[in-house]
């Protein structure tokens, strides 16, 4: 039998490897999801076999694992304008972020993250954060998640979150409320009003630097936070304060709005 050409054998091997790669994987390799826009030291990014030190403007790709050690925190600005404030001692994976199609999936392995998600307007748009105990799906909101010691908790600052266990049992958690999933196969607890202590702790544990309080926000909230007088004022509505003034994930205190056309703060 005539021996095969080494070149021909090489081509066959390459074709075999290409066929064995799952569809879409090759296209996703190195695909940008966003970048680190703020980091407190002790933040790293695992990219395949690479271990990178995260600093300002470090690119975050699909499949990257962002991990913080004790004391480290990071803000990841996604390409669609959403932000992820990662607390200390946390680890999350940006599994997918397709800004054009508004298809995003984040895996929170452990720890805390506060997210500011832009409005999802595309058909079949999806922004999900998954843990081993369940999934939080959002439409456009400001919310906090923690997954610690097997307990999955959500606290919603603005908008609403669809909070589901692994079996698809869900509750809707609205602004100012919290809910937990204590086991991936037990129904989520019914949402309750979050206490001031819970709201403040969630904000404090994911704030990336004091200076962020003074930054110009790219998102706005319908709430005006007036901690001094003890009232929260929505348009034409005044209700007792249930949430303390806390910065949004983008940095500005939630609810500080400017009145058009002067740009001055609303009275």
C-alpha atoms as a PDB file:
ATOM      1  CA  UNK A   1       0.000   0.000   0.000  1.00  0.00           C
ATOM      2  CA  UNK A   2       1.327   3.417  -0.933  1.00  0.00           C
ATOM      3  CA  UNK A   3       2.190   5.440   2.201  1.00  0.00           C
ATOM      4  CA  UNK A   4       0.131   8.560   2.840  1.00  0.00           C
ATOM      5  CA  UNK A   5       1.712  11.964   2.326  1.00  0.00           C
ATOM      6  CA  UNK A   6       2.650  13.694   5.625  1.00  0.00           C
ATOM      7  CA  UNK A   7       0.933  16.839   4.357  1.00  0.00           C
ATOM      8  CA  UNK A   8      -2.270  14.933   3.648  1.00  0.00           C
ATOM      9  CA  UNK A   9      -2.200  13.371   7.122  1.00  0.00           C
ATOM     10  CA  UNK A  10      -1.757  16.803   8.711  1.00  0.00           C
ATOM     11  CA  UNK A  11      -4.768  18.161   6.837  1.00  0.00           C
ATOM     12  CA  UNK A  12      -6.917  15.213   7.929  1.00  0.00           C
ATOM     13  CA  UNK A  13      -5.905  15.688  11.574  1.00  0.00           C
ATOM     14  CA  UNK A  14      -6.671  19.421  11.491  1.00  0.00           C
ATOM     15  CA  UNK A  15     -10.065  18.805   9.925  1.00  0.00           C
ATOM     16  CA  UNK A  16     -10.854  16.175  12.549  1.00  0.00           C
ATOM     17  CA  UNK A  17     -10.010  18.580  15.380  1.00  0.00           C
ATOM     18  CA  UNK A  18     -12.102  21.334  13.837  1.00  0.00           C
ATOM     19  CA  UNK A  19     -15.108  19.033  13.503  1.00  0.00           C
ATOM     20  CA  UNK A  20     -14.792  17.972  17.157  1.00  0.00           C
ATOM     21  CA  UNK A  21     -15.005  21.571  18.498  1.00  0.00           C
ATOM     22  CA  UNK A  22     -18.570  22.396  19.620  1.00  0.00           C
ATOM     23  CA  UNK A  23     -20.317  24.983  17.426  1.00  0.00           C
ATOM     24  CA  UNK A  24     -19.734  28.570  18.509  1.00  0.00           C
ATOM     25  CA  UNK A  25     -16.790  27.865  20.817  1.00  0.00           C
ATOM     26  CA  UNK A  26     -14.134  28.976  18.364  1.00  0.00           C
ATOM     27  CA  UNK A  27     -16.038  32.168  17.594  1.00  0.00           C
ATOM     28  CA  UNK A  28     -16.333  32.992  21.300  1.00  0.00           C
ATOM     29  CA  UNK A  29     -12.657  32.563  22.093  1.00  0.00           C
ATOM     30  CA  UNK A  30     -11.271  36.003  22.884  1.00  0.00           C
ATOM     31  CA  UNK A  31     -14.615  37.708  22.336  1.00  0.00           C
ATOM     32  CA  UNK A  32     -14.734  40.898  24.402  1.00  0.00           C
ATOM     33  CA  UNK A  33     -17.489  41.321  27.008  1.00  0.00           C
ATOM     34  CA  UNK A  34     -16.288  44.519  28.677  1.00  0.00           C
ATOM     35  CA  UNK A  35     -13.462  45.861  30.793  1.00  0.00           C
ATOM     36  CA  UNK A  36     -12.454  46.559  34.375  1.00  0.00           C
ATOM     37  CA  UNK A  37     -13.397  50.179  35.084  1.00  0.00           C
ATOM     38  CA  UNK A  38     -12.312  50.219  38.728  1.00  0.00           C
ATOM     39  CA  UNK A  39     -10.392  47.804  40.926  1.00  0.00           C
ATOM     40  CA  UNK A  40      -9.117  47.642  44.477  1.00  0.00           C
ATOM     41  CA  UNK A  41      -5.938  45.521  44.581  1.00  0.00           C
ATOM     42  CA  UNK A  42      -6.196  41.763  45.008  1.00  0.00           C
ATOM     43  CA  UNK A  43      -8.320  41.202  41.890  1.00  0.00           C
ATOM     44  CA  UNK A  44      -7.423  38.628  39.264  1.00  0.00           C
ATOM     45  CA  UNK A  45      -8.779  37.264  35.992  1.00  0.00           C
ATOM     46  CA  UNK A  46      -8.410  33.629  34.969  1.00  0.00           C
ATOM     47  CA  UNK A  47      -8.435  33.247  31.191  1.00  0.00           C
ATOM     48  CA  UNK A  48      -7.950  29.602  30.326  1.00  0.00           C
ATOM     49  CA  UNK A  49      -4.509  28.735  31.664  1.00  0.00           C
ATOM     50  CA  UNK A  50      -3.556  32.396  32.093  1.00  0.00           C
ATOM     51  CA  UNK A  51      -3.723  34.205  35.428  1.00  0.00           C
ATOM     52  CA  UNK A  52      -3.938  37.975  34.928  1.00  0.00           C
ATOM     53  CA  UNK A  53      -3.818  40.795  37.445  1.00  0.00           C
ATOM     54  CA  UNK A  54      -6.878  42.995  36.954  1.00  0.00           C
ATOM     55  CA  UNK A  55      -6.268  46.725  36.728  1.00  0.00           C
ATOM     56  CA  UNK A  56      -7.970  49.713  35.140  1.00  0.00           C
ATOM     57  CA  UNK A  57      -9.080  48.978  31.543  1.00  0.00           C
ATOM     58  CA  UNK A  58      -8.138  45.297  31.682  1.00  0.00           C
ATOM     59  CA  UNK A  59     -10.304  43.623  29.032  1.00  0.00           C
ATOM     60  CA  UNK A  60     -12.800  40.983  30.190  1.00  0.00           C
ATOM     61  CA  UNK A  61     -13.573  38.315  27.582  1.00  0.00           C
ATOM     62  CA  UNK A  62     -16.274  35.690  27.338  1.00  0.00           C
ATOM     63  CA  UNK A  63     -15.359  32.830  29.634  1.00  0.00           C
ATOM     64  CA  UNK A  64     -13.125  34.947  31.893  1.00  0.00           C
ATOM     65  CA  UNK A  65     -13.314  34.289  35.632  1.00  0.00           C
ATOM     66  CA  UNK A  66     -13.116  37.461  37.730  1.00  0.00           C
ATOM     67  CA  UNK A  67     -12.060  36.649  41.280  1.00  0.00           C
ATOM     68  CA  UNK A  68     -11.387  38.871  44.276  1.00  0.00           C
ATOM     69  CA  UNK A  69      -9.520  37.978  47.431  1.00  0.00           C
ATOM     70  CA  UNK A  70     -10.301  39.354  50.874  1.00  0.00           C
ATOM     71  CA  UNK A  71     -10.320  43.120  50.585  1.00  0.00           C
ATOM     72  CA  UNK A  72     -10.282  43.132  46.774  1.00  0.00           C
ATOM     73  CA  UNK A  73     -13.197  44.533  44.776  1.00  0.00           C
ATOM     74  CA  UNK A  74     -13.796  45.220  41.110  1.00  0.00           C
ATOM     75  CA  UNK A  75     -16.208  46.965  38.804  1.00  0.00           C
ATOM     76  CA  UNK A  76     -16.685  45.382  35.381  1.00  0.00           C
ATOM     77  CA  UNK A  77     -18.307  47.626  32.773  1.00  0.00           C
ATOM     78  CA  UNK A  78     -19.993  45.467  30.146  1.00  0.00           C
ATOM     79  CA  UNK A  79     -20.212  46.534  26.524  1.00  0.00           C
ATOM     80  CA  UNK A  80     -23.983  47.172  26.668  1.00  0.00           C
ATOM     81  CA  UNK A  81     -23.571  49.716  29.488  1.00  0.00           C
ATOM     82  CA  UNK A  82     -24.425  47.333  32.345  1.00  0.00           C
ATOM     83  CA  UNK A  83     -22.047  47.172  35.300  1.00  0.00           C
ATOM     84  CA  UNK A  84     -21.060  44.455  37.756  1.00  0.00           C
ATOM     85  CA  UNK A  85     -19.677  45.507  41.137  1.00  0.00           C
ATOM     86  CA  UNK A  86     -17.905  42.415  42.493  1.00  0.00           C
ATOM     87  CA  UNK A  87     -17.459  42.277  46.268  1.00  0.00           C
ATOM     88  CA  UNK A  88     -14.470  40.862  48.127  1.00  0.00           C
ATOM     89  CA  UNK A  89     -13.890  37.108  48.359  1.00  0.00           C
ATOM     90  CA  UNK A  90     -16.021  36.509  45.270  1.00  0.00           C
ATOM     91  CA  UNK A  91     -15.739  34.670  41.972  1.00  0.00           C
ATOM     92  CA  UNK A  92     -17.867  35.042  38.845  1.00  0.00           C
ATOM     93  CA  UNK A  93     -17.598  33.988  35.222  1.00  0.00           C
ATOM     94  CA  UNK A  94     -18.791  36.073  32.292  1.00  0.00           C
ATOM     95  CA  UNK A  95     -20.106  33.093  30.355  1.00  0.00           C
ATOM     96  CA  UNK A  96     -21.718  35.166  27.607  1.00  0.00           C
ATOM     97  CA  UNK A  97     -22.297  38.820  26.837  1.00  0.00           C
ATOM     98  CA  UNK A  98     -23.696  39.638  23.413  1.00  0.00           C
ATOM     99  CA  UNK A  99     -24.468  43.348  23.640  1.00  0.00           C
ATOM    100  CA  UNK A 100     -26.090  43.560  20.194  1.00  0.00           C
ATOM    101  CA  UNK A 101     -28.541  40.710  20.851  1.00  0.00           C
ATOM    102  CA  UNK A 102     -28.820  41.499  24.591  1.00  0.00           C
ATOM    103  CA  UNK A 103     -27.926  37.966  25.613  1.00  0.00           C
ATOM    104  CA  UNK A 104     -25.944  37.816  28.854  1.00  0.00           C
ATOM    105  CA  UNK A 105     -25.190  34.998  31.263  1.00  0.00           C
ATOM    106  CA  UNK A 106     -23.058  35.352  34.381  1.00  0.00           C
ATOM    107  CA  UNK A 107     -22.091  32.518  36.738  1.00  0.00           C
ATOM    108  CA  UNK A 108     -21.624  33.561  40.372  1.00  0.00           C
ATOM    109  CA  UNK A 109     -19.593  30.735  41.898  1.00  0.00           C
ATOM    110  CA  UNK A 110     -19.513  32.346  45.323  1.00  0.00           C
ATOM    111  CA  UNK A 111     -19.536  35.769  46.924  1.00  0.00           C
ATOM    112  CA  UNK A 112     -21.397  39.008  46.256  1.00  0.00           C
ATOM    113  CA  UNK A 113     -22.173  41.144  43.224  1.00  0.00           C
ATOM    114  CA  UNK A 114     -24.308  44.228  42.694  1.00  0.00           C
ATOM    115  CA  UNK A 115     -25.488  44.786  39.139  1.00  0.00           C
ATOM    116  CA  UNK A 116     -26.839  47.745  37.230  1.00  0.00           C
ATOM    117  CA  UNK A 117     -28.470  46.351  34.102  1.00  0.00           C
ATOM    118  CA  UNK A 118     -29.546  48.477  31.144  1.00  0.00           C
ATOM    119  CA  UNK A 119     -33.083  48.086  29.870  1.00  0.00           C
ATOM    120  CA  UNK A 120     -33.483  44.870  27.876  1.00  0.00           C
ATOM    121  CA  UNK A 121     -35.523  45.811  24.791  1.00  0.00           C
ATOM    122  CA  UNK A 122     -34.495  43.286  22.135  1.00  0.00           C
ATOM    123  CA  UNK A 123     -36.780  40.345  21.290  1.00  0.00           C
ATOM    124  CA  UNK A 124     -35.946  37.419  23.586  1.00  0.00           C
ATOM    125  CA  UNK A 125     -33.430  39.575  25.473  1.00  0.00           C
ATOM    126  CA  UNK A 126     -31.929  37.832  28.492  1.00  0.00           C
ATOM    127  CA  UNK A 127     -29.685  38.903  31.354  1.00  0.00           C
ATOM    128  CA  UNK A 128     -29.197  36.090  33.856  1.00  0.00           C
ATOM    129  CA  UNK A 129     -26.940  35.534  36.833  1.00  0.00           C
ATOM    130  CA  UNK A 130     -26.742  31.880  37.822  1.00  0.00           C
ATOM    131  CA  UNK A 131     -25.514  30.095  40.938  1.00  0.00           C
ATOM    132  CA  UNK A 132     -25.535  26.462  42.018  1.00  0.00           C
ATOM    133  CA  UNK A 133     -28.848  27.187  43.791  1.00  0.00           C
ATOM    134  CA  UNK A 134     -30.803  29.062  41.139  1.00  0.00           C
ATOM    135  CA  UNK A 135     -30.959  31.944  38.688  1.00  0.00           C
ATOM    136  CA  UNK A 136     -31.859  35.634  38.767  1.00  0.00           C
ATOM    137  CA  UNK A 137     -33.272  36.971  35.514  1.00  0.00           C
ATOM    138  CA  UNK A 138     -33.690  40.709  35.007  1.00  0.00           C
ATOM    139  CA  UNK A 139     -35.275  43.119  32.554  1.00  0.00           C
ATOM    140  CA  UNK A 140     -33.501  46.320  33.602  1.00  0.00           C
ATOM    141  CA  UNK A 141     -32.745  47.018  37.224  1.00  0.00           C
ATOM    142  CA  UNK A 142     -30.329  47.644  40.088  1.00  0.00           C
ATOM    143  CA  UNK A 143     -29.954  44.652  42.364  1.00  0.00           C
ATOM    144  CA  UNK A 144     -27.596  42.803  44.693  1.00  0.00           C
ATOM    145  CA  UNK A 145     -26.928  39.064  44.791  1.00  0.00           C
ATOM    146  CA  UNK A 146     -24.988  36.930  47.220  1.00  0.00           C
ATOM    147  CA  UNK A 147     -24.273  33.230  47.206  1.00  0.00           C
ATOM    148  CA  UNK A 148     -22.625  32.233  50.473  1.00  0.00           C
ATOM    149  CA  UNK A 149     -22.709  28.945  52.369  1.00  0.00           C
ATOM    150  CA  UNK A 150     -25.301  27.556  49.979  1.00  0.00           C
ATOM    151  CA  UNK A 151     -27.761  30.448  50.472  1.00  0.00           C
ATOM    152  CA  UNK A 152     -28.718  32.511  47.409  1.00  0.00           C
ATOM    153  CA  UNK A 153     -30.081  35.991  48.248  1.00  0.00           C
ATOM    154  CA  UNK A 154     -31.351  38.867  46.135  1.00  0.00           C
ATOM    155  CA  UNK A 155     -31.997  42.457  47.220  1.00  0.00           C
ATOM    156  CA  UNK A 156     -33.622  44.736  44.635  1.00  0.00           C
ATOM    157  CA  UNK A 157     -32.965  48.477  44.684  1.00  0.00           C
ATOM    158  CA  UNK A 158     -34.820  49.376  41.498  1.00  0.00           C
ATOM    159  CA  UNK A 159     -36.932  47.483  38.945  1.00  0.00           C
ATOM    160  CA  UNK A 160     -37.654  43.801  39.509  1.00  0.00           C
ATOM    161  CA  UNK A 161     -35.941  40.423  39.352  1.00  0.00           C
ATOM    162  CA  UNK A 162     -37.360  37.020  38.440  1.00  0.00           C
ATOM    163  CA  UNK A 163     -35.794  34.796  41.117  1.00  0.00           C
ATOM    164  CA  UNK A 164     -35.922  31.045  40.409  1.00  0.00           C
ATOM    165  CA  UNK A 165     -34.614  27.802  41.890  1.00  0.00           C
ATOM    166  CA  UNK A 166     -33.125  24.975  39.836  1.00  0.00           C
ATOM    167  CA  UNK A 167     -36.574  23.457  39.230  1.00  0.00           C
ATOM    168  CA  UNK A 168     -37.987  26.634  37.700  1.00  0.00           C
ATOM    169  CA  UNK A 169     -40.049  27.705  40.718  1.00  0.00           C
ATOM    170  CA  UNK A 170     -39.923  31.500  40.710  1.00  0.00           C
ATOM    171  CA  UNK A 171     -40.951  34.623  42.580  1.00  0.00           C
ATOM    172  CA  UNK A 172     -40.932  38.246  41.400  1.00  0.00           C
ATOM    173  CA  UNK A 173     -38.867  40.450  43.699  1.00  0.00           C
ATOM    174  CA  UNK A 174     -39.654  44.161  43.447  1.00  0.00           C
ATOM    175  CA  UNK A 175     -37.779  47.303  44.498  1.00  0.00           C
ATOM    176  CA  UNK A 176     -37.069  47.457  48.236  1.00  0.00           C
ATOM    177  CA  UNK A 177     -37.597  43.723  48.723  1.00  0.00           C
ATOM    178  CA  UNK A 178     -35.435  40.685  49.333  1.00  0.00           C
ATOM    179  CA  UNK A 179     -35.814  36.920  48.901  1.00  0.00           C
ATOM    180  CA  UNK A 180     -33.654  33.847  49.405  1.00  0.00           C
ATOM    181  CA  UNK A 181     -33.250  30.355  48.011  1.00  0.00           C
ATOM    182  CA  UNK A 182     -31.869  28.048  50.688  1.00  0.00           C
ATOM    183  CA  UNK A 183     -31.685  24.940  48.562  1.00  0.00           C
ATOM    184  CA  UNK A 184     -31.655  24.640  44.808  1.00  0.00           C
ATOM    185  CA  UNK A 185     -34.714  22.387  44.897  1.00  0.00           C
ATOM    186  CA  UNK A 186     -36.759  24.187  47.563  1.00  0.00           C
ATOM    187  CA  UNK A 187     -39.164  26.973  46.520  1.00  0.00           C
ATOM    188  CA  UNK A 188     -37.806  30.501  46.931  1.00  0.00           C
ATOM    189  CA  UNK A 189     -38.898  32.283  50.089  1.00  0.00           C
ATOM    190  CA  UNK A 190     -41.678  34.793  49.550  1.00  0.00           C
ATOM    191  CA  UNK A 191     -40.221  38.289  49.097  1.00  0.00           C
ATOM    192  CA  UNK A 192     -40.193  40.562  52.146  1.00  0.00           C
ATOM    193  CA  UNK A 193     -39.210  44.185  52.682  1.00  0.00           C
ATOM    194  CA  UNK A 194     -35.455  44.540  53.001  1.00  0.00           C
ATOM    195  CA  UNK A 195     -34.314  46.177  56.225  1.00  0.00           C
ATOM    196  CA  UNK A 196     -32.160  49.289  56.261  1.00  0.00           C
ATOM    197  CA  UNK A 197     -29.301  47.177  57.612  1.00  0.00           C
ATOM    198  CA  UNK A 198     -29.591  44.697  54.708  1.00  0.00           C
ATOM    199  CA  UNK A 199     -29.721  47.455  52.109  1.00  0.00           C
ATOM    200  CA  UNK A 200     -26.767  49.294  53.583  1.00  0.00           C
ATOM    201  CA  UNK A 201     -24.630  46.182  54.034  1.00  0.00           C
ATOM    202  CA  UNK A 202     -25.305  45.065  50.450  1.00  0.00           C
ATOM    203  CA  UNK A 203     -24.236  48.477  49.125  1.00  0.00           C
ATOM    204  CA  UNK A 204     -21.199  48.732  51.395  1.00  0.00           C
ATOM    205  CA  UNK A 205     -19.836  45.270  50.573  1.00  0.00           C
ATOM    206  CA  UNK A 206     -19.834  45.944  46.818  1.00  0.00           C
ATOM    207  CA  UNK A 207     -18.850  49.627  46.701  1.00  0.00           C
ATOM    208  CA  UNK A 208     -15.581  50.012  44.792  1.00  0.00           C
ATOM    209  CA  UNK A 209     -13.961  53.066  46.378  1.00  0.00           C
ATOM    210  CA  UNK A 210     -15.416  56.091  48.145  1.00  0.00           C
ATOM    211  CA  UNK A 211     -14.839  58.327  45.112  1.00  0.00           C
ATOM    212  CA  UNK A 212     -17.533  56.500  43.155  1.00  0.00           C
ATOM    213  CA  UNK A 213     -20.189  58.348  45.153  1.00  0.00           C
ATOM    214  CA  UNK A 214     -19.261  61.520  43.270  1.00  0.00           C
ATOM    215  CA  UNK A 215     -19.141  60.051  39.782  1.00  0.00           C
ATOM    216  CA  UNK A 216     -21.612  61.072  37.111  1.00  0.00           C
ATOM    217  CA  UNK A 217     -24.180  58.303  36.717  1.00  0.00           C
ATOM    218  CA  UNK A 218     -25.141  56.821  33.380  1.00  0.00           C
ATOM    219  CA  UNK A 219     -28.311  55.347  34.877  1.00  0.00           C
ATOM    220  CA  UNK A 220     -31.114  57.090  36.693  1.00  0.00           C
ATOM    221  CA  UNK A 221     -33.655  55.901  39.215  1.00  0.00           C
ATOM    222  CA  UNK A 222     -37.208  57.131  39.774  1.00  0.00           C
ATOM    223  CA  UNK A 223     -36.490  57.449  43.504  1.00  0.00           C
ATOM    224  CA  UNK A 224     -35.105  60.524  45.255  1.00  0.00           C
ATOM    225  CA  UNK A 225     -33.260  59.474  48.412  1.00  0.00           C
ATOM    226  CA  UNK A 226     -33.586  61.985  51.221  1.00  0.00           C
ATOM    227  CA  UNK A 227     -31.963  60.309  54.199  1.00  0.00           C
ATOM    228  CA  UNK A 228     -31.768  63.533  56.162  1.00  0.00           C
ATOM    229  CA  UNK A 229     -35.522  64.100  56.310  1.00  0.00           C
ATOM    230  CA  UNK A 230     -36.337  60.409  56.348  1.00  0.00           C
ATOM    231  CA  UNK A 231     -38.462  60.334  53.212  1.00  0.00           C
ATOM    232  CA  UNK A 232     -38.229  58.741  49.759  1.00  0.00           C
ATOM    233  CA  UNK A 233     -39.947  60.802  47.082  1.00  0.00           C
ATOM    234  CA  UNK A 234     -41.071  59.372  43.739  1.00  0.00           C
ATOM    235  CA  UNK A 235     -42.765  61.520  41.079  1.00  0.00           C
ATOM    236  CA  UNK A 236     -45.898  62.897  42.755  1.00  0.00           C
ATOM    237  CA  UNK A 237     -45.596  60.297  45.557  1.00  0.00           C
ATOM    238  CA  UNK A 238     -44.078  60.466  49.044  1.00  0.00           C
ATOM    239  CA  UNK A 239     -43.645  57.330  51.129  1.00  0.00           C
ATOM    240  CA  UNK A 240     -41.782  56.596  54.399  1.00  0.00           C
ATOM    241  CA  UNK A 241     -38.106  55.867  53.982  1.00  0.00           C
ATOM    242  CA  UNK A 242     -37.417  52.140  53.737  1.00  0.00           C
ATOM    243  CA  UNK A 243     -34.004  52.261  52.065  1.00  0.00           C
ATOM    244  CA  UNK A 244     -30.985  54.295  53.089  1.00  0.00           C
ATOM    245  CA  UNK A 245     -29.149  56.450  50.599  1.00  0.00           C
ATOM    246  CA  UNK A 246     -26.671  54.206  48.790  1.00  0.00           C
ATOM    247  CA  UNK A 247     -24.748  54.674  45.554  1.00  0.00           C
ATOM    248  CA  UNK A 248     -25.877  52.920  42.414  1.00  0.00           C
ATOM    249  CA  UNK A 249     -23.458  50.417  40.811  1.00  0.00           C
ATOM    250  CA  UNK A 250     -22.331  53.196  38.477  1.00  0.00           C
ATOM    251  CA  UNK A 251     -21.316  55.347  41.415  1.00  0.00           C
ATOM    252  CA  UNK A 252     -23.942  58.054  41.890  1.00  0.00           C
ATOM    253  CA  UNK A 253     -26.330  57.927  44.847  1.00  0.00           C
ATOM    254  CA  UNK A 254     -29.577  56.383  43.643  1.00  0.00           C
ATOM    255  CA  UNK A 255     -32.323  58.852  42.922  1.00  0.00           C
ATOM    256  CA  UNK A 256     -30.301  62.030  42.423  1.00  0.00           C
ATOM    257  CA  UNK A 257     -32.021  63.415  39.347  1.00  0.00           C
ATOM    258  CA  UNK A 258     -31.552  66.650  37.430  1.00  0.00           C
ATOM    259  CA  UNK A 259     -34.570  68.658  36.383  1.00  0.00           C
ATOM    260  CA  UNK A 260     -34.654  69.717  32.734  1.00  0.00           C
ATOM    261  CA  UNK A 261     -33.919  72.061  31.153  1.00  0.00           C
ATOM    262  CA  UNK A 262     -31.642  73.792  33.692  1.00  0.00           C
ATOM    263  CA  UNK A 263     -29.812  70.644  34.794  1.00  0.00           C
ATOM    264  CA  UNK A 264     -30.132  71.705  38.429  1.00  0.00           C
ATOM    265  CA  UNK A 265     -31.053  69.159  41.080  1.00  0.00           C
ATOM    266  CA  UNK A 266     -34.777  68.654  41.456  1.00  0.00           C
ATOM    267  CA  UNK A 267     -36.259  70.281  44.582  1.00  0.00           C
END
